[in-house]
Amino acid sequence: MVFSLGRIALYLREKPPSLKEKRRVVKSLKDRIRARFNVSISEVDNQDLRHRATLGIALVCSDRKQAQTISDRIVEFIREAKKVEIIEHDFIIENY
């Protein structure tokens, strides 16, 4: 069993006028990632900043290659999103 833990810092391209609007954008992105990749995802930092968000992502796979592939696909999926830009990202992949 292999697990992957990731942290992705985001910048919202269109600065939302309120935290409520920011949460709507981030929730939509989280829901699409969760549905597409079947991972656990949460906003873990920068909740009070309108133009920033940090997501924490966790997934469990049967092998290291699969975990790396899914992690890479998540990053590419977010890069294709029009409303956010990745500032930095890192994933830790470990055997259990």
Protein backbone atom coordinates (compact mmCIF):
# COMPACT_ATOMS: atom_id res chain seq x y z
CA MET A 1 0.00 0.00 0.00
CA VAL A 2 1.26 3.46 -0.93
CA PHE A 3 -0.05 6.81 0.22
CA SER A 4 0.47 10.27 -1.20
CA LEU A 5 0.05 13.54 0.68
CA GLY A 6 0.05 16.77 -1.28
CA ARG A 7 -0.04 20.49 -0.67
CA ILE A 8 -0.97 22.89 -3.46
CA ALA A 9 -0.83 26.66 -2.98
CA LEU A 10 -3.15 28.57 -5.32
CA TYR A 11 -3.60 32.14 -6.47
CA LEU A 12 -7.08 33.12 -7.62
CA ARG A 13 -6.65 34.99 -10.92
CA GLU A 14 -9.81 37.06 -10.63
CA LYS A 15 -9.61 38.44 -7.11
CA PRO A 16 -13.01 37.62 -5.60
CA PRO A 17 -14.89 40.57 -4.11
CA SER A 18 -15.63 38.60 -0.93
CA LEU A 19 -14.56 35.53 1.02
CA LYS A 20 -17.94 34.00 0.19
CA GLU A 21 -17.15 34.19 -3.53
CA LYS A 22 -13.65 32.82 -2.94
CA ARG A 23 -15.10 29.85 -1.05
CA ARG A 24 -17.49 29.19 -3.92
CA VAL A 25 -14.60 29.05 -6.43
CA VAL A 26 -12.44 26.85 -4.17
CA LYS A 27 -15.33 24.53 -3.29
CA SER A 28 -16.14 24.05 -6.97
CA LEU A 29 -12.52 23.13 -7.71
CA LYS A 30 -12.34 20.76 -4.73
CA ASP A 31 -15.58 19.04 -5.73
CA ARG A 32 -14.37 18.50 -9.31
CA ILE A 33 -11.02 17.09 -8.10
CA ARG A 34 -12.73 14.81 -5.56
CA ALA A 35 -15.17 13.48 -8.17
CA ARG A 36 -12.59 12.96 -10.89
CA PHE A 37 -9.72 11.44 -8.88
CA ASN A 38 -11.48 9.95 -5.80
CA VAL A 39 -9.15 11.66 -3.29
CA SER A 40 -9.59 13.38 0.04
CA ILE A 41 -9.15 17.13 -0.34
CA SER A 42 -9.54 20.13 1.95
CA GLU A 43 -8.62 23.80 2.10
CA VAL A 44 -5.91 23.78 4.78
CA ASP A 45 -4.47 27.31 4.82
CA ASN A 46 -5.11 30.92 3.74
CA GLN A 47 -8.84 30.66 4.46
CA ASP A 48 -9.02 34.38 5.30
CA LEU A 49 -7.26 35.65 2.17
CA ARG A 50 -9.48 36.43 -0.82
CA HIS A 51 -6.84 35.77 -3.47
CA ARG A 52 -5.01 32.72 -2.01
CA ALA A 53 -5.92 29.16 -1.07
CA THR A 54 -3.92 26.12 -0.03
CA LEU A 55 -5.29 22.66 -0.63
CA GLY A 56 -4.29 19.46 1.15
CA ILE A 57 -4.77 16.22 -0.79
CA ALA A 58 -4.48 12.60 0.35
CA LEU A 59 -4.76 9.40 -1.63
CA VAL A 60 -4.02 5.69 -1.19
CA CYS A 61 -2.92 3.43 -4.05
CA SER A 62 -1.64 -0.06 -4.61
CA ASP A 63 1.73 1.01 -6.02
CA ARG A 64 4.10 3.97 -6.17
CA LYS A 65 3.75 4.52 -9.93
CA GLN A 66 -0.03 4.83 -9.67
CA ALA A 67 0.27 7.33 -6.80
CA GLN A 68 2.75 9.43 -8.81
CA THR A 69 0.55 9.33 -11.91
CA ILE A 70 -2.56 10.45 -10.03
CA SER A 71 -0.64 13.22 -8.23
CA ASP A 72 0.71 14.49 -11.55
CA ARG A 73 -2.73 14.36 -13.13
CA ILE A 74 -4.22 16.38 -10.27
CA VAL A 75 -1.59 19.10 -10.77
CA GLU A 76 -2.28 19.17 -14.52
CA PHE A 77 -6.04 19.31 -13.91
CA ILE A 78 -5.60 22.36 -11.66
CA ARG A 79 -3.24 24.01 -14.17
CA GLU A 80 -6.00 23.77 -16.76
CA ALA A 81 -8.48 25.52 -14.45
CA LYS A 82 -9.14 29.04 -15.64
CA LYS A 83 -9.80 30.72 -12.29
CA VAL A 84 -6.70 29.61 -10.36
CA GLU A 85 -2.95 29.47 -10.80
CA ILE A 86 -0.59 27.13 -8.95
CA ILE A 87 2.00 29.02 -6.90
CA GLU A 88 3.72 25.90 -5.60
CA HIS A 89 2.99 22.25 -5.04
CA ASP A 90 4.62 19.24 -3.47
CA PHE A 91 3.62 15.63 -2.92
CA ILE A 92 5.12 13.09 -0.56
CA ILE A 93 4.72 9.49 -1.69
CA GLU A 94 5.51 6.76 0.84
CA ASN A 95 5.07 3.03 1.24
CA TYR A 96 3.11 1.87 4.22
